[in-house]
Amino acid sequence: MFQVIEKKLAKTVDSDAKVDHAYLLVHSDSHNLHLNVARGKTGDVPANPEQPFHTASIGKTFTAVLIAMLVEKGEISYTDRVAKFLPEGLVKGLHVYKGTEYSQDLRIDHLVSNTSGLPDYYELKPKTGPSFQELLFQEPSHFWTPEETIEWTKQHLTPKFAPGKGCHYSNTGFNLLGMIIEKVTGKPYHEVLHEYIFVPLGMKHSYLCHYSEPAVVSDYPVATIYMKDKKVDVTEHKSFSSIYAGGQTVSTSEDLFLFMKALEGGQLISRESLVTMQKWTKMWVGVDYGFGLMRVRMQPFTQKYNVWGHLGSTGSFMLYNPGFDVYIIGNFNRTGYVGKSIRFVYSVLRNIAKGVKK
């Protein structure tokens, strides 16, 4: 089984001229399986399984778990109004839909479940002027605060629907959650990440890019990202500080595995809290959203291949399949590869299923 899966990764990378490097970890206690491999190169450096990479929107799950932890401590409630924790000036005009302002109606559960209706500053394009992604390259040295991303959203984009009346992916909502975490804890978001998650779990190579440093610096360079055929060293673009609580983390496959196993195993939050996080709402075809978690329905007529966790825009994935008790974690490090990563994960599960039948 090991060789089949490793060959699958090699074939996927070698047959695609747009993919320079990729990472894959597959683990199952039930099937006595642990595979951590890499393929390709980062520049002239061969990709290594221990190499850190940008997790992209996988970071949203970290944010959502921090929120769940604060809920368990009784410091916040999912039904708390967002305005309770944020500056009045920032909240005013935050959500104006079809002439009606809903800013005071926004709740924490709306933000964490992507049901707020708030537009996504990172993906959506304004009617006039450059998109936010274009600004990242036009002004690479600009350090964006989360407040600035919210103000930019208010000025250039409009909400999609009234709070709770739909599901729309929004980095804007998660940046607001990061600010709420800071207000409640009295500490910067990155410090809370380390204190509540990275340090207790021994995620020694994980950190928030442009904000903090890992407990142990890796022997390998952080994998580069390809954005629309542009090779991007995010560490040299301060403008990517703007992603913040929506997915600014850098990690390794092994660190992400530690996190997912702890989450599924009840080490971070209770089973009841995890069930709450898995209240699914349909978001895209085959993909549902919970509270900072995604469920991917691999087949329409069976649940055994379903996975939950999170995907990232760079083709990153951090997923668990209950049907076969398998964790599948990795990254293709190229934007536009979400669909490719889903298909790859499905092929890995099919190979595991064949091995189990034998």
Protein backbone atom coordinates (compact mmCIF):
# COMPACT_ATOMS: atom_id res chain seq x y z
CA MET A 1 0.00 0.00 0.00
CA PHE A 2 2.86 2.39 0.84
CA GLN A 3 4.45 2.00 -2.58
CA VAL A 4 1.16 2.44 -4.43
CA ILE A 5 0.35 5.70 -2.65
CA GLU A 6 3.88 7.07 -3.01
CA LYS A 7 3.89 6.23 -6.72
CA LYS A 8 0.54 7.99 -7.06
CA LEU A 9 2.05 11.19 -5.66
CA ALA A 10 5.10 10.89 -7.89
CA LYS A 11 2.97 10.38 -10.99
CA THR A 12 0.70 13.29 -10.09
CA VAL A 13 3.64 15.69 -9.66
CA ASP A 14 5.79 14.42 -12.54
CA SER A 15 2.93 14.53 -15.04
CA ASP A 16 1.96 18.13 -14.23
CA ALA A 17 4.39 20.80 -15.40
CA LYS A 18 2.65 23.36 -13.16
CA VAL A 19 3.39 21.48 -9.93
CA ASP A 20 6.99 21.86 -8.73
CA HIS A 21 6.63 20.15 -5.40
CA ALA A 22 4.01 18.41 -3.25
CA TYR A 23 3.70 16.88 0.20
CA LEU A 24 1.63 13.99 1.49
CA LEU A 25 1.09 12.36 4.87
CA VAL A 26 -1.24 9.39 5.29
CA HIS A 27 -1.84 7.87 8.72
CA SER A 28 -4.15 5.20 10.09
CA ASP A 29 -3.91 3.50 13.47
CA SER A 30 -6.46 0.92 12.36
CA HIS A 31 -4.40 -0.13 9.35
CA ASN A 32 -0.95 0.35 10.91
CA LEU A 33 -0.15 2.95 8.27
CA HIS A 34 2.07 6.02 8.46
CA LEU A 35 3.51 7.50 5.30
CA ASN A 36 5.11 10.93 5.02
CA VAL A 37 6.58 11.75 1.62
CA ALA A 38 7.43 14.64 -0.67
CA ARG A 39 8.06 14.99 -4.38
CA GLY A 40 9.71 17.61 -6.56
CA LYS A 41 11.92 20.57 -5.72
CA THR A 42 11.71 24.01 -4.12
CA GLY A 43 14.09 25.84 -6.40
CA ASP A 44 17.22 23.69 -6.38
CA VAL A 45 16.34 22.06 -3.06
CA PRO A 46 14.63 18.65 -3.23
CA ALA A 47 11.28 18.67 -1.45
CA ASN A 48 11.50 17.00 1.95
CA PRO A 49 8.65 15.48 4.01
CA GLU A 50 9.73 17.61 7.00
CA GLN A 51 9.65 20.84 5.00
CA PRO A 52 7.31 23.59 6.25
CA PHE A 53 4.71 25.05 3.91
CA HIS A 54 2.03 27.71 3.92
CA THR A 55 -1.21 26.05 5.00
CA ALA A 56 -3.54 28.65 3.41
CA SER A 57 -7.14 28.34 4.64
CA ILE A 58 -6.36 25.35 6.82
CA GLY A 59 -5.59 28.12 9.31
CA LYS A 60 -9.31 28.82 9.58
CA THR A 61 -9.68 25.61 11.55
CA PHE A 62 -7.12 26.84 14.08
CA THR A 63 -9.15 30.03 14.48
CA ALA A 64 -12.41 28.10 14.84
CA VAL A 65 -10.92 25.79 17.47
CA LEU A 66 -9.70 28.80 19.47
CA ILE A 67 -13.24 30.15 19.37
CA ALA A 68 -14.59 26.77 20.53
CA MET A 69 -12.08 26.77 23.40
CA LEU A 70 -13.25 30.21 24.52
CA VAL A 71 -16.86 29.04 24.30
CA GLU A 72 -16.05 26.05 26.51
CA LYS A 73 -14.40 28.37 29.03
CA GLY A 74 -17.57 30.46 29.13
CA GLU A 75 -15.74 33.57 27.96
CA ILE A 76 -17.88 33.93 24.84
CA SER A 77 -20.98 32.37 23.30
CA TYR A 78 -21.60 31.52 19.67
CA THR A 79 -24.71 33.69 19.81
CA ASP A 80 -22.82 36.75 21.07
CA ARG A 81 -23.13 39.79 18.85
CA VAL A 82 -19.90 40.70 17.08
CA ALA A 83 -20.41 44.35 18.04
CA LYS A 84 -19.88 43.38 21.68
CA PHE A 85 -16.16 42.87 21.03
CA LEU A 86 -15.22 45.23 18.22
CA PRO A 87 -14.78 49.02 17.98
CA GLU A 88 -17.97 50.89 17.15
CA GLY A 89 -16.40 52.59 14.16
CA LEU A 90 -15.31 49.29 12.66
CA VAL A 91 -18.74 47.71 13.08
CA LYS A 92 -20.65 50.65 11.64
CA GLY A 93 -21.34 50.01 7.95
CA LEU A 94 -19.85 46.53 8.15
CA HIS A 95 -22.96 44.78 6.82
CA VAL A 96 -25.33 46.84 4.72
CA TYR A 97 -27.46 44.67 2.43
CA LYS A 98 -30.03 46.14 0.03
CA GLY A 99 -30.21 49.35 2.02
CA THR A 100 -30.64 47.69 5.43
CA GLU A 101 -27.80 47.63 7.96
CA TYR A 102 -27.36 44.29 9.72
CA SER A 103 -24.04 45.07 11.40
CA GLN A 104 -25.52 44.88 14.91
CA ASP A 105 -27.16 41.53 14.08
CA LEU A 106 -23.93 39.75 13.19
CA ARG A 107 -23.09 36.95 15.63
CA ILE A 108 -19.96 34.89 16.22
CA ASP A 109 -21.64 31.76 14.84
CA HIS A 110 -22.36 33.64 11.59
CA LEU A 111 -18.67 34.42 11.17
CA VAL A 112 -17.29 30.99 12.01
CA SER A 113 -19.81 29.17 9.78
CA ASN A 114 -19.47 31.49 6.76
CA THR A 115 -23.16 32.36 7.02
CA SER A 116 -22.65 36.06 7.82
CA GLY A 117 -23.17 37.22 4.26
CA LEU A 118 -20.01 39.33 4.51
CA PRO A 119 -18.06 39.56 1.25
CA ASP A 120 -14.61 38.02 0.92
CA TYR A 121 -11.98 40.73 0.53
CA TYR A 122 -9.41 38.23 -0.69
CA GLU A 123 -11.29 36.56 -3.55
CA LEU A 124 -13.96 39.03 -4.71
CA LYS A 125 -13.22 41.84 -7.15
CA PRO A 126 -14.56 45.38 -6.64
CA LYS A 127 -16.55 47.06 -9.40
CA THR A 128 -13.73 49.54 -9.93
CA GLY A 129 -10.05 49.62 -9.06
CA PRO A 130 -7.61 46.79 -8.38
CA SER A 131 -8.63 43.63 -6.59
CA PHE A 132 -7.15 42.91 -3.18
CA GLN A 133 -4.90 40.20 -4.64
CA GLU A 134 -3.58 42.70 -7.17
CA LEU A 135 -2.78 45.09 -4.31
CA LEU A 136 -0.71 42.39 -2.62
CA PHE A 137 1.70 42.46 -5.56
CA GLN A 138 1.47 46.18 -6.25
CA GLU A 139 2.38 46.99 -2.63
CA PRO A 140 4.41 43.97 -1.43
CA SER A 141 6.03 45.89 1.46
CA HIS A 142 2.74 47.08 2.97
CA PHE A 143 1.92 45.34 6.25
CA TRP A 144 -1.86 45.01 6.39
CA THR A 145 -3.50 45.03 9.79
CA PRO A 146 -6.75 43.06 10.15
CA GLU A 147 -8.55 46.36 10.73
CA GLU A 148 -7.33 47.59 7.34
CA THR A 149 -8.68 44.49 5.59
CA ILE A 150 -12.09 45.14 7.17
CA GLU A 151 -12.10 48.80 6.17
CA TRP A 152 -11.06 47.88 2.61
CA THR A 153 -13.96 45.42 2.48
CA LYS A 154 -16.44 48.06 3.66
CA GLN A 155 -15.24 50.52 1.05
CA HIS A 156 -15.02 48.25 -2.00
CA LEU A 157 -17.40 45.28 -1.61
CA THR A 158 -21.02 44.61 -0.68
CA PRO A 159 -22.54 41.76 1.39
CA LYS A 160 -24.07 38.73 -0.32
CA PHE A 161 -27.15 38.25 1.90
CA ALA A 162 -28.59 39.02 5.32
CA PRO A 163 -26.88 37.22 8.24
CA GLY A 164 -27.88 33.56 8.47
CA LYS A 165 -29.63 33.52 5.08
CA GLY A 166 -27.01 31.65 3.07
CA CYS A 167 -23.42 30.38 3.00
CA HIS A 168 -20.60 32.34 1.39
CA TYR A 169 -16.90 31.76 2.02
CA SER A 170 -15.44 34.85 3.68
CA ASN A 171 -11.90 35.55 4.84
CA THR A 172 -13.31 38.83 6.13
CA GLY A 173 -15.34 36.97 8.74
CA PHE A 174 -12.32 35.05 10.00
CA ASN A 175 -10.21 38.18 10.34
CA LEU A 176 -12.99 39.54 12.53
CA LEU A 177 -12.82 36.35 14.59
CA GLY A 178 -9.08 36.86 15.08
CA MET A 179 -9.78 40.35 16.40
CA ILE A 180 -12.44 38.97 18.75
CA ILE A 181 -9.97 36.37 20.06
CA GLU A 182 -7.52 39.20 20.79
CA LYS A 183 -10.17 41.24 22.60
CA VAL A 184 -11.34 38.35 24.78
CA THR A 185 -7.88 36.99 25.69
CA GLY A 186 -6.10 40.32 25.87
CA LYS A 187 -3.29 38.83 23.77
CA PRO A 188 -2.30 39.02 20.10
CA TYR A 189 -3.88 36.33 17.94
CA HIS A 190 -0.52 34.72 17.15
CA GLU A 191 0.36 34.40 20.82
CA VAL A 192 -2.95 32.65 21.49
CA LEU A 193 -2.26 30.24 18.62
CA HIS A 194 1.01 29.22 20.19
CA GLU A 195 -0.24 29.15 23.78
CA TYR A 196 -3.49 27.25 23.17
CA ILE A 197 -2.55 24.95 20.28
CA PHE A 198 1.03 24.83 18.99
CA VAL A 199 2.90 24.53 22.30
CA PRO A 200 0.54 22.03 24.04
CA LEU A 201 0.54 19.74 20.99
CA GLY A 202 4.26 20.01 20.31
CA MET A 203 3.73 21.60 16.89
CA LYS A 204 7.30 22.86 16.95
CA HIS A 205 7.50 24.02 13.34
CA SER A 206 4.17 25.89 13.24
CA TYR A 207 3.78 29.67 13.42
CA LEU A 208 1.90 32.65 11.98
CA CYS A 209 3.90 34.06 9.08
CA HIS A 210 4.89 37.74 9.53
CA TYR A 211 3.73 37.62 13.15
CA SER A 212 5.64 34.92 15.04
CA GLU A 213 8.42 32.33 14.78
CA PRO A 214 8.39 28.53 15.18
CA ALA A 215 9.65 26.95 18.39
CA VAL A 216 12.23 25.12 16.27
CA VAL A 217 13.46 26.53 12.96
CA SER A 218 13.35 23.89 10.25
CA ASP A 219 16.46 22.71 8.44
CA TYR A 220 14.52 23.20 5.22
CA PRO A 221 13.25 26.38 3.53
CA VAL A 222 9.54 27.16 3.55
CA ALA A 223 8.03 25.84 0.31
CA THR A 224 7.28 28.49 -2.26
CA ILE A 225 3.77 29.08 -3.60
CA TYR A 226 2.71 29.52 -7.20
CA MET A 227 -0.11 32.02 -7.66
CA LYS A 228 -1.43 32.17 -11.23
CA ASP A 229 2.02 31.16 -12.50
CA LYS A 230 3.78 33.69 -10.28
CA LYS A 231 6.39 32.20 -7.97
CA VAL A 232 5.74 33.80 -4.61
CA ASP A 233 7.95 33.80 -1.54
CA VAL A 234 5.28 34.89 0.91
CA THR A 235 7.86 35.52 3.62
CA GLU A 236 9.24 38.38 1.48
CA HIS A 237 5.80 39.86 0.78
CA LYS A 238 4.70 41.67 3.94
CA SER A 239 1.40 42.33 2.19
CA PHE A 240 0.38 38.71 2.86
CA SER A 241 0.10 39.66 6.54
CA SER A 242 -3.44 40.50 5.44
CA ILE A 243 -4.53 36.85 5.53
CA TYR A 244 -4.10 36.83 9.34
CA ALA A 245 -6.72 34.60 11.05
CA GLY A 246 -8.03 33.36 7.71
CA GLY A 247 -4.97 31.26 6.91
CA GLN A 248 -1.55 32.85 7.51
CA THR A 249 -0.04 29.84 9.28
CA VAL A 250 3.04 27.91 8.24
CA SER A 251 3.27 24.28 9.33
CA THR A 252 4.49 20.82 8.35
CA SER A 253 2.60 17.66 7.49
CA GLU A 254 3.54 16.07 10.82
CA ASP A 255 2.48 19.13 12.80
CA LEU A 256 -0.88 19.24 11.03
CA PHE A 257 -1.33 15.54 11.75
CA LEU A 258 -0.70 16.18 15.46
CA PHE A 259 -3.40 18.84 15.37
CA MET A 260 -5.99 16.77 13.51
CA LYS A 261 -5.47 13.72 15.70
CA ALA A 262 -5.82 15.87 18.82
CA LEU A 263 -8.97 17.51 17.45
CA GLU A 264 -10.60 14.22 16.49
CA GLY A 265 -9.45 12.59 19.73
CA GLY A 266 -10.87 15.22 22.08
CA GLN A 267 -7.55 16.62 23.33
CA LEU A 268 -8.31 20.21 22.33
CA ILE A 269 -12.07 20.49 22.70
CA SER A 270 -14.82 18.18 23.92
CA ARG A 271 -16.68 15.74 21.69
CA GLU A 272 -19.79 17.89 22.12
CA SER A 273 -17.93 20.96 20.84
CA LEU A 274 -16.65 19.04 17.84
CA VAL A 275 -20.20 17.92 17.04
CA THR A 276 -21.24 21.59 17.13
CA MET A 277 -18.43 22.45 14.74
CA GLN A 278 -19.78 19.78 12.39
CA LYS A 279 -23.21 21.31 11.87
CA TRP A 280 -22.96 21.34 8.10
CA THR A 281 -24.38 23.87 5.64
CA LYS A 282 -24.10 23.34 1.89
CA MET A 283 -21.51 25.70 0.45
CA TRP A 284 -20.27 24.34 -2.89
CA VAL A 285 -21.09 21.23 -4.92
CA GLY A 286 -19.96 18.32 -2.76
CA VAL A 287 -18.54 20.59 -0.04
CA ASP A 288 -20.37 21.59 3.16
CA TYR A 289 -19.19 24.03 5.82
CA GLY A 290 -19.46 23.75 9.58
CA PHE A 291 -17.72 25.94 12.17
CA GLY A 292 -14.28 26.36 10.61
CA LEU A 293 -14.50 22.87 9.17
CA MET A 294 -15.30 21.48 5.74
CA ARG A 295 -16.95 18.21 4.85
CA VAL A 296 -16.18 16.87 1.39
CA ARG A 297 -18.68 14.36 0.05
CA MET A 298 -16.54 12.29 -2.32
CA GLN A 299 -19.37 10.15 -3.68
CA PRO A 300 -23.09 10.97 -3.86
CA PHE A 301 -24.30 7.51 -2.87
CA THR A 302 -21.95 6.43 -0.08
CA GLN A 303 -20.47 8.05 3.00
CA LYS A 304 -17.43 5.82 3.45
CA TYR A 305 -15.21 8.14 1.41
CA ASN A 306 -16.43 11.36 3.04
CA VAL A 307 -13.76 13.43 4.76
CA TRP A 308 -13.80 16.39 7.12
CA GLY A 309 -11.16 18.97 7.98
CA HIS A 310 -10.20 21.86 5.74
CA LEU A 311 -8.88 22.70 2.30
CA GLY A 312 -6.73 25.63 1.20
CA SER A 313 -6.57 27.65 -2.01
CA THR A 314 -3.01 26.45 -2.65
CA GLY A 315 -4.12 22.85 -2.98
CA SER A 316 -3.47 22.20 0.71
CA PHE A 317 -5.57 19.66 2.60
CA MET A 318 -5.89 18.51 6.21
CA LEU A 319 -8.56 15.81 6.31
CA TYR A 320 -9.84 12.83 8.27
CA ASN A 321 -11.87 9.96 6.88
CA PRO A 322 -13.89 8.18 9.62
CA GLY A 323 -14.87 5.32 7.31
CA PHE A 324 -11.33 3.94 7.13
CA ASP A 325 -9.89 5.85 10.10
CA VAL A 326 -7.41 7.66 7.85
CA TYR A 327 -5.79 11.08 8.10
CA ILE A 328 -4.68 12.59 4.80
CA ILE A 329 -2.62 15.78 4.86
CA GLY A 330 -0.62 17.56 2.19
CA ASN A 331 -0.14 20.43 -0.22
CA PHE A 332 0.41 21.08 -3.94
CA ASN A 333 1.52 24.68 -3.30
CA ARG A 334 -0.32 26.17 -6.26
CA THR A 335 -3.47 28.25 -6.33
CA GLY A 336 -6.35 26.87 -8.33
CA TYR A 337 -5.61 23.30 -7.24
CA VAL A 338 -8.44 22.76 -4.76
CA GLY A 339 -10.27 20.44 -7.15
CA LYS A 340 -7.07 18.56 -7.96
CA SER A 341 -6.34 18.02 -4.27
CA ILE A 342 -9.85 16.63 -3.69
CA ARG A 343 -9.48 14.20 -6.58
CA PHE A 344 -6.06 13.15 -5.32
CA VAL A 345 -7.36 12.51 -1.80
CA TYR A 346 -10.17 10.41 -3.25
CA SER A 347 -7.69 8.32 -5.22
CA VAL A 348 -5.66 7.71 -2.05
CA LEU A 349 -8.80 6.58 -0.22
CA ARG A 350 -9.66 4.24 -3.09
CA ASN A 351 -6.19 2.67 -2.87
CA ILE A 352 -6.59 2.24 0.87
CA ALA A 353 -10.01 0.66 0.35
CA LYS A 354 -8.49 -1.84 -2.09
CA GLY A 355 -5.79 -2.70 0.43
CA VAL A 356 -8.36 -3.20 3.18
CA LYS A 357 -10.38 -5.59 0.99
CA LYS A 358 -7.29 -7.69 0.38
